[in-house]
Every structure is written in structure tokens, then in C-alpha cells.
Amino acid sequence: MFNLDLIGVSRYLTETIQRSRLVSFTEKSQRYVTFGTDYIIPTELNRRPKLKKMYKAYMKSLFAEYETCCKLLTDSL
């Protein structure tokens, strides 16, 4: 008997594994999960530094807002 720990895979892959029914599985809830601040910067923005700067600022604000909301939700549980 052995365990596989699949982390950082797509939702599509987890659905495919669950559909196969060859294995039993435990899935961690994705609600109230804190994330790091890793994100993808589209390569097209490399040619547009002003837009890239705006994109990065927007992503920073989104992560901050998510963290604030997540904290408020988990504190109220």
C-alpha cells in the first residue's frame, strides 16, 4: 500500500483521477486556503513596461484583498 500526494495540479486532473475509481482519495478543501503571492505575468507584457507595472500592482492588491477576506472569514468561524 502507498500514498501519493498531488499538490498544485489542475482541477481537471483531480476530476480525471476521481473518475477512474482505481484509487481512493482524500481531497483538501479549496475554501479559505491561503496562497503565496506567486502568479504568472503574461509574456506579452514584457514589451509594455507601463502595463506590466499596472498588472503587478493589480495582482498585489488582489492578493491583499483575498488575504483580508480569508482572515475575516476564518476568524468568524
PDB file of N, CA and C in Angstrom:
ATOM      1  N   MET A   1       0.850  -1.175   0.000  1.00  0.00           N
ATOM      2  CA  MET A   1       0.000   0.000   0.000  1.00  0.00           C
ATOM      3  C   MET A   1       0.895   1.238   0.000  1.00  0.00           C
ATOM      4  N   PHE A   2       0.482   2.279  -0.704  1.00  0.00           N
ATOM      5  CA  PHE A   2       1.258   3.509  -0.745  1.00  0.00           C
ATOM      6  C   PHE A   2       0.333   4.696  -0.951  1.00  0.00           C
ATOM      7  N   ASN A   3       0.848   5.862  -0.667  1.00  0.00           N
ATOM      8  CA  ASN A   3       0.108   7.116  -0.826  1.00  0.00           C
ATOM      9  C   ASN A   3       0.825   8.006  -1.818  1.00  0.00           C
ATOM     10  N   LEU A   4       0.073   8.712  -2.617  1.00  0.00           N
ATOM     11  CA  LEU A   4       0.609   9.743  -3.498  1.00  0.00           C
ATOM     12  C   LEU A   4       0.041  11.074  -3.050  1.00  0.00           C
ATOM     13  N   ASP A   5       0.870  12.061  -2.983  1.00  0.00           N
ATOM     14  CA  ASP A   5       0.434  13.398  -2.604  1.00  0.00           C
ATOM     15  C   ASP A   5       0.548  14.282  -3.833  1.00  0.00           C
ATOM     16  N   LEU A   6      -0.574  14.660  -4.417  1.00  0.00           N
ATOM     17  CA  LEU A   6      -0.585  15.501  -5.614  1.00  0.00           C
ATOM     18  C   LEU A   6      -0.907  16.926  -5.190  1.00  0.00           C
ATOM     19  N   ILE A   7       0.056  17.798  -5.353  1.00  0.00           N
ATOM     20  CA  ILE A   7      -0.104  19.188  -4.937  1.00  0.00           C
ATOM     21  C   ILE A   7       0.121  20.083  -6.147  1.00  0.00           C
ATOM     22  N   GLY A   8      -0.686  21.114  -6.258  1.00  0.00           N
ATOM     23  CA  GLY A   8      -0.503  22.084  -7.326  1.00  0.00           C
ATOM     24  C   GLY A   8      -0.910  21.574  -8.698  1.00  0.00           C
ATOM     25  N   VAL A   9      -1.823  20.605  -8.733  1.00  0.00           N
ATOM     26  CA  VAL A   9      -2.295  20.103 -10.017  1.00  0.00           C
ATOM     27  C   VAL A   9      -3.620  20.765 -10.368  1.00  0.00           C
ATOM     28  N   SER A  10      -3.996  20.673 -11.617  1.00  0.00           N
ATOM     29  CA  SER A  10      -5.219  21.329 -12.078  1.00  0.00           C
ATOM     30  C   SER A  10      -6.459  20.614 -11.561  1.00  0.00           C
ATOM     31  N   ARG A  11      -7.543  21.359 -11.542  1.00  0.00           N
ATOM     32  CA  ARG A  11      -8.833  20.791 -11.156  1.00  0.00           C
ATOM     33  C   ARG A  11      -9.224  19.665 -12.127  1.00  0.00           C
ATOM     34  N   TYR A  12      -8.879  19.843 -13.391  1.00  0.00           N
ATOM     35  CA  TYR A  12      -9.184  18.837 -14.411  1.00  0.00           C
ATOM     36  C   TYR A  12      -8.508  17.505 -14.083  1.00  0.00           C
ATOM     37  N   LEU A  13      -7.248  17.556 -13.677  1.00  0.00           N
ATOM     38  CA  LEU A  13      -6.534  16.319 -13.333  1.00  0.00           C
ATOM     39  C   LEU A  13      -7.172  15.638 -12.131  1.00  0.00           C
ATOM     40  N   THR A  14      -7.533  16.399 -11.107  1.00  0.00           N
ATOM     41  CA  THR A  14      -8.160  15.769  -9.938  1.00  0.00           C
ATOM     42  C   THR A  14      -9.491  15.121 -10.317  1.00  0.00           C
ATOM     43  N   GLU A  15     -10.262  15.753 -11.184  1.00  0.00           N
ATOM     44  CA  GLU A  15     -11.524  15.158 -11.629  1.00  0.00           C
ATOM     45  C   GLU A  15     -11.271  13.879 -12.422  1.00  0.00           C
ATOM     46  N   THR A  16     -10.233  13.872 -13.250  1.00  0.00           N
ATOM     47  CA  THR A  16      -9.890  12.687 -14.039  1.00  0.00           C
ATOM     48  C   THR A  16      -9.494  11.532 -13.122  1.00  0.00           C
ATOM     49  N   ILE A  17      -8.700  11.796 -12.121  1.00  0.00           N
ATOM     50  CA  ILE A  17      -8.278  10.754 -11.172  1.00  0.00           C
ATOM     51  C   ILE A  17      -9.483  10.210 -10.419  1.00  0.00           C
ATOM     52  N   GLN A  18     -10.365  11.090 -10.000  1.00  0.00           N
ATOM     53  CA  GLN A  18     -11.547  10.647  -9.255  1.00  0.00           C
ATOM     54  C   GLN A  18     -12.468   9.797 -10.127  1.00  0.00           C
ATOM     55  N   ARG A  19     -12.570  10.139 -11.399  1.00  0.00           N
ATOM     56  CA  ARG A  19     -13.437   9.392 -12.317  1.00  0.00           C
ATOM     57  C   ARG A  19     -12.932   7.978 -12.559  1.00  0.00           C
ATOM     58  N   SER A  20     -11.635   7.775 -12.499  1.00  0.00           N
ATOM     59  CA  SER A  20     -11.068   6.456 -12.811  1.00  0.00           C
ATOM     60  C   SER A  20     -11.470   5.404 -11.784  1.00  0.00           C
ATOM     61  N   ARG A  21     -11.698   5.814 -10.571  1.00  0.00           N
ATOM     62  CA  ARG A  21     -12.096   4.918  -9.482  1.00  0.00           C
ATOM     63  C   ARG A  21     -11.134   3.747  -9.257  1.00  0.00           C
ATOM     64  N   LEU A  22      -9.901   3.917  -9.680  1.00  0.00           N
ATOM     65  CA  LEU A  22      -8.903   2.889  -9.428  1.00  0.00           C
ATOM     66  C   LEU A  22      -8.271   3.062  -8.050  1.00  0.00           C
ATOM     67  N   VAL A  23      -8.478   4.227  -7.482  1.00  0.00           N
ATOM     68  CA  VAL A  23      -7.863   4.536  -6.196  1.00  0.00           C
ATOM     69  C   VAL A  23      -8.887   5.227  -5.302  1.00  0.00           C
ATOM     70  N   SER A  24      -8.635   5.173  -4.023  1.00  0.00           N
ATOM     71  CA  SER A  24      -9.424   6.001  -3.117  1.00  0.00           C
ATOM     72  C   SER A  24      -8.658   7.309  -2.946  1.00  0.00           C
ATOM     73  N   PHE A  25      -9.340   8.342  -2.567  1.00  0.00           N
ATOM     74  CA  PHE A  25      -8.679   9.640  -2.486  1.00  0.00           C
ATOM     75  C   PHE A  25      -9.246  10.468  -1.345  1.00  0.00           C
ATOM     76  N   THR A  26      -8.438  11.407  -0.901  1.00  0.00           N
ATOM     77  CA  THR A  26      -8.849  12.421   0.049  1.00  0.00           C
ATOM     78  C   THR A  26      -8.488  13.754  -0.576  1.00  0.00           C
ATOM     79  N   GLU A  27      -9.452  14.640  -0.651  1.00  0.00           N
ATOM     80  CA  GLU A  27      -9.205  15.919  -1.300  1.00  0.00           C
ATOM     81  C   GLU A  27      -9.355  17.034  -0.280  1.00  0.00           C
ATOM     82  N   LYS A  28      -8.370  17.901  -0.230  1.00  0.00           N
ATOM     83  CA  LYS A  28      -8.404  19.039   0.684  1.00  0.00           C
ATOM     84  C   LYS A  28      -9.305  20.121   0.104  1.00  0.00           C
ATOM     85  N   SER A  29     -10.109  20.699   0.936  1.00  0.00           N
ATOM     86  CA  SER A  29     -10.987  21.780   0.505  1.00  0.00           C
ATOM     87  C   SER A  29     -10.176  22.963   0.005  1.00  0.00           C
ATOM     88  N   GLN A  30     -10.683  23.638  -1.005  1.00  0.00           N
ATOM     89  CA  GLN A  30     -10.010  24.813  -1.531  1.00  0.00           C
ATOM     90  C   GLN A  30     -10.581  26.103  -0.950  1.00  0.00           C
ATOM     91  N   ARG A  31     -11.517  25.985  -0.031  1.00  0.00           N
ATOM     92  CA  ARG A  31     -12.071  27.175   0.607  1.00  0.00           C
ATOM     93  C   ARG A  31     -11.138  27.655   1.712  1.00  0.00           C
ATOM     94  N   TYR A  32     -11.018  28.925   1.825  1.00  0.00           N
ATOM     95  CA  TYR A  32     -10.237  29.570   2.885  1.00  0.00           C
ATOM     96  C   TYR A  32      -8.784  29.109   2.898  1.00  0.00           C
ATOM     97  N   VAL A  33      -8.235  28.846   1.748  1.00  0.00           N
ATOM     98  CA  VAL A  33      -6.849  28.430   1.631  1.00  0.00           C
ATOM     99  C   VAL A  33      -6.002  29.675   1.404  1.00  0.00           C
ATOM    100  N   THR A  34      -4.957  29.811   2.194  1.00  0.00           N
ATOM    101  CA  THR A  34      -4.075  30.957   1.969  1.00  0.00           C
ATOM    102  C   THR A  34      -3.083  30.600   0.882  1.00  0.00           C
ATOM    103  N   PHE A  35      -2.850  31.545   0.010  1.00  0.00           N
ATOM    104  CA  PHE A  35      -1.943  31.351  -1.108  1.00  0.00           C
ATOM    105  C   PHE A  35      -0.704  32.190  -0.906  1.00  0.00           C
ATOM    106  N   GLY A  36       0.343  31.798  -1.575  1.00  0.00           N
ATOM    107  CA  GLY A  36       1.504  32.665  -1.665  1.00  0.00           C
ATOM    108  C   GLY A  36       1.171  33.758  -2.677  1.00  0.00           C
ATOM    109  N   THR A  37       2.125  34.555  -3.003  1.00  0.00           N
ATOM    110  CA  THR A  37       1.856  35.612  -3.972  1.00  0.00           C
ATOM    111  C   THR A  37       2.489  35.301  -5.328  1.00  0.00           C
ATOM    112  N   ASP A  38       2.527  34.029  -5.666  1.00  0.00           N
ATOM    113  CA  ASP A  38       3.055  33.637  -6.967  1.00  0.00           C
ATOM    114  C   ASP A  38       1.951  33.769  -8.013  1.00  0.00           C
ATOM    115  N   TYR A  39       2.297  34.328  -9.140  1.00  0.00           N
ATOM    116  CA  TYR A  39       1.355  34.423 -10.247  1.00  0.00           C
ATOM    117  C   TYR A  39       2.143  34.529 -11.545  1.00  0.00           C
ATOM    118  N   ILE A  40       1.442  34.309 -12.627  1.00  0.00           N
ATOM    119  CA  ILE A  40       2.056  34.335 -13.946  1.00  0.00           C
ATOM    120  C   ILE A  40       1.925  35.736 -14.536  1.00  0.00           C
ATOM    121  N   ILE A  41       3.010  36.238 -15.075  1.00  0.00           N
ATOM    122  CA  ILE A  41       2.963  37.505 -15.796  1.00  0.00           C
ATOM    123  C   ILE A  41       2.997  37.158 -17.282  1.00  0.00           C
ATOM    124  N   PRO A  42       1.937  37.504 -18.010  1.00  0.00           N
ATOM    125  CA  PRO A  42       1.921  37.178 -19.448  1.00  0.00           C
ATOM    126  C   PRO A  42       3.145  37.752 -20.166  1.00  0.00           C
ATOM    127  N   THR A  43       3.751  36.965 -21.018  1.00  0.00           N
ATOM    128  CA  THR A  43       4.966  37.402 -21.717  1.00  0.00           C
ATOM    129  C   THR A  43       4.717  38.620 -22.605  1.00  0.00           C
ATOM    130  N   GLU A  44       3.483  38.808 -23.041  1.00  0.00           N
ATOM    131  CA  GLU A  44       3.142  39.972 -23.861  1.00  0.00           C
ATOM    132  C   GLU A  44       3.409  41.282 -23.130  1.00  0.00           C
ATOM    133  N   LEU A  45       3.372  41.233 -21.805  1.00  0.00           N
ATOM    134  CA  LEU A  45       3.577  42.455 -21.025  1.00  0.00           C
ATOM    135  C   LEU A  45       5.041  42.872 -20.980  1.00  0.00           C
ATOM    136  N   ASN A  46       5.946  41.989 -21.365  1.00  0.00           N
ATOM    137  CA  ASN A  46       7.367  42.353 -21.385  1.00  0.00           C
ATOM    138  C   ASN A  46       7.646  43.490 -22.362  1.00  0.00           C
ATOM    139  N   ARG A  47       6.833  43.602 -23.398  1.00  0.00           N
ATOM    140  CA  ARG A  47       7.002  44.673 -24.379  1.00  0.00           C
ATOM    141  C   ARG A  47       6.278  45.958 -23.976  1.00  0.00           C
ATOM    142  N   ARG A  48       5.521  45.885 -22.876  1.00  0.00           N
ATOM    143  CA  ARG A  48       4.740  47.042 -22.440  1.00  0.00           C
ATOM    144  C   ARG A  48       4.977  47.289 -20.952  1.00  0.00           C
ATOM    145  N   PRO A  49       6.112  47.899 -20.598  1.00  0.00           N
ATOM    146  CA  PRO A  49       6.502  48.038 -19.193  1.00  0.00           C
ATOM    147  C   PRO A  49       5.473  48.776 -18.334  1.00  0.00           C
ATOM    148  N   LYS A  50       4.825  49.786 -18.884  1.00  0.00           N
ATOM    149  CA  LYS A  50       3.826  50.527 -18.105  1.00  0.00           C
ATOM    150  C   LYS A  50       2.636  49.623 -17.756  1.00  0.00           C
ATOM    151  N   LEU A  51       2.187  48.862 -18.719  1.00  0.00           N
ATOM    152  CA  LEU A  51       1.077  47.944 -18.493  1.00  0.00           C
ATOM    153  C   LEU A  51       1.489  46.814 -17.540  1.00  0.00           C
ATOM    154  N   LYS A  52       2.737  46.358 -17.667  1.00  0.00           N
ATOM    155  CA  LYS A  52       3.246  45.311 -16.779  1.00  0.00           C
ATOM    156  C   LYS A  52       3.270  45.806 -15.335  1.00  0.00           C
ATOM    157  N   LYS A  53       3.683  47.046 -15.139  1.00  0.00           N
ATOM    158  CA  LYS A  53       3.708  47.628 -13.796  1.00  0.00           C
ATOM    159  C   LYS A  53       2.288  47.710 -13.218  1.00  0.00           C
ATOM    160  N   MET A  54       1.334  48.128 -14.044  1.00  0.00           N
ATOM    161  CA  MET A  54      -0.066  48.199 -13.599  1.00  0.00           C
ATOM    162  C   MET A  54      -0.593  46.807 -13.246  1.00  0.00           C
ATOM    163  N   TYR A  55      -0.247  45.816 -14.066  1.00  0.00           N
ATOM    164  CA  TYR A  55      -0.678  44.440 -13.837  1.00  0.00           C
ATOM    165  C   TYR A  55      -0.152  43.927 -12.496  1.00  0.00           C
ATOM    166  N   LYS A  56       1.130  44.161 -12.237  1.00  0.00           N
ATOM    167  CA  LYS A  56       1.737  43.702 -10.986  1.00  0.00           C
ATOM    168  C   LYS A  56       1.101  44.384  -9.775  1.00  0.00           C
ATOM    169  N   ALA A  57       0.804  45.676  -9.903  1.00  0.00           N
ATOM    170  CA  ALA A  57       0.150  46.400  -8.804  1.00  0.00           C
ATOM    171  C   ALA A  57      -1.252  45.840  -8.562  1.00  0.00           C
ATOM    172  N   TYR A  58      -1.955  45.537  -9.640  1.00  0.00           N
ATOM    173  CA  TYR A  58      -3.297  44.976  -9.515  1.00  0.00           C
ATOM    174  C   TYR A  58      -3.255  43.600  -8.855  1.00  0.00           C
ATOM    175  N   MET A  59      -2.314  42.772  -9.269  1.00  0.00           N
ATOM    176  CA  MET A  59      -2.189  41.447  -8.666  1.00  0.00           C
ATOM    177  C   MET A  59      -1.859  41.545  -7.181  1.00  0.00           C
ATOM    178  N   LYS A  60      -0.997  42.476  -6.833  1.00  0.00           N
ATOM    179  CA  LYS A  60      -0.651  42.677  -5.420  1.00  0.00           C
ATOM    180  C   LYS A  60      -1.893  43.051  -4.613  1.00  0.00           C
ATOM    181  N   SER A  61      -2.719  43.936  -5.168  1.00  0.00           N
ATOM    182  CA  SER A  61      -3.929  44.352  -4.451  1.00  0.00           C
ATOM    183  C   SER A  61      -4.934  43.203  -4.347  1.00  0.00           C
ATOM    184  N   LEU A  62      -5.027  42.372  -5.381  1.00  0.00           N
ATOM    185  CA  LEU A  62      -5.935  41.223  -5.322  1.00  0.00           C
ATOM    186  C   LEU A  62      -5.524  40.233  -4.234  1.00  0.00           C
ATOM    187  N   PHE A  63      -4.232  39.939  -4.156  1.00  0.00           N
ATOM    188  CA  PHE A  63      -3.757  39.027  -3.116  1.00  0.00           C
ATOM    189  C   PHE A  63      -3.990  39.608  -1.718  1.00  0.00           C
ATOM    190  N   ALA A  64      -3.777  40.897  -1.560  1.00  0.00           N
ATOM    191  CA  ALA A  64      -4.004  41.540  -0.262  1.00  0.00           C
ATOM    192  C   ALA A  64      -5.479  41.474   0.117  1.00  0.00           C
ATOM    193  N   GLU A  65      -6.353  41.727  -0.839  1.00  0.00           N
ATOM    194  CA  GLU A  65      -7.801  41.678  -0.576  1.00  0.00           C
ATOM    195  C   GLU A  65      -8.246  40.265  -0.224  1.00  0.00           C
ATOM    196  N   TYR A  66      -7.738  39.289  -0.950  1.00  0.00           N
ATOM    197  CA  TYR A  66      -8.085  37.903  -0.656  1.00  0.00           C
ATOM    198  C   TYR A  66      -7.640  37.521   0.756  1.00  0.00           C
ATOM    199  N   GLU A  67      -6.428  37.906   1.112  1.00  0.00           N
ATOM    200  CA  GLU A  67      -5.927  37.572   2.443  1.00  0.00           C
ATOM    201  C   GLU A  67      -6.781  38.230   3.533  1.00  0.00           C
ATOM    202  N   THR A  68      -7.184  39.473   3.319  1.00  0.00           N
ATOM    203  CA  THR A  68      -8.049  40.166   4.275  1.00  0.00           C
ATOM    204  C   THR A  68      -9.375  39.431   4.426  1.00  0.00           C
ATOM    205  N   CYS A  69      -9.986  39.074   3.307  1.00  0.00           N
ATOM    206  CA  CYS A  69     -11.272  38.368   3.356  1.00  0.00           C
ATOM    207  C   CYS A  69     -11.138  37.004   4.013  1.00  0.00           C
ATOM    208  N   CYS A  70     -10.093  36.295   3.668  1.00  0.00           N
ATOM    209  CA  CYS A  70      -9.858  34.975   4.236  1.00  0.00           C
ATOM    210  C   CYS A  70      -9.694  35.054   5.750  1.00  0.00           C
ATOM    211  N   LYS A  71      -8.945  36.027   6.215  1.00  0.00           N
ATOM    212  CA  LYS A  71      -8.730  36.213   7.652  1.00  0.00           C
ATOM    213  C   LYS A  71     -10.049  36.515   8.358  1.00  0.00           C
ATOM    214  N   LEU A  72     -10.849  37.400   7.785  1.00  0.00           N
ATOM    215  CA  LEU A  72     -12.135  37.745   8.381  1.00  0.00           C
ATOM    216  C   LEU A  72     -13.053  36.522   8.457  1.00  0.00           C
ATOM    217  N   LEU A  73     -13.050  35.720   7.396  1.00  0.00           N
ATOM    218  CA  LEU A  73     -13.898  34.527   7.387  1.00  0.00           C
ATOM    219  C   LEU A  73     -13.437  33.486   8.398  1.00  0.00           C
ATOM    220  N   THR A  74     -12.146  33.234   8.446  1.00  0.00           N
ATOM    221  CA  THR A  74     -11.669  32.209   9.387  1.00  0.00           C
ATOM    222  C   THR A  74     -11.746  32.680  10.833  1.00  0.00           C
ATOM    223  N   ASP A  75     -11.617  33.976  11.081  1.00  0.00           N
ATOM    224  CA  ASP A  75     -11.757  34.490  12.442  1.00  0.00           C
ATOM    225  C   ASP A  75     -13.186  34.377  12.944  1.00  0.00           C
ATOM    226  N   SER A  76     -14.152  34.392  12.021  1.00  0.00           N
ATOM    227  CA  SER A  76     -15.548  34.337  12.438  1.00  0.00           C
ATOM    228  C   SER A  76     -16.063  32.912  12.598  1.00  0.00           C
ATOM    229  N   LEU A  77     -15.248  31.920  12.267  1.00  0.00           N
ATOM    230  CA  LEU A  77     -15.680  30.513  12.395  1.00  0.00           C
ATOM    231  C   LEU A  77     -15.631  30.037  13.816  1.00  0.00           C
TER     232      LEU A  77
END
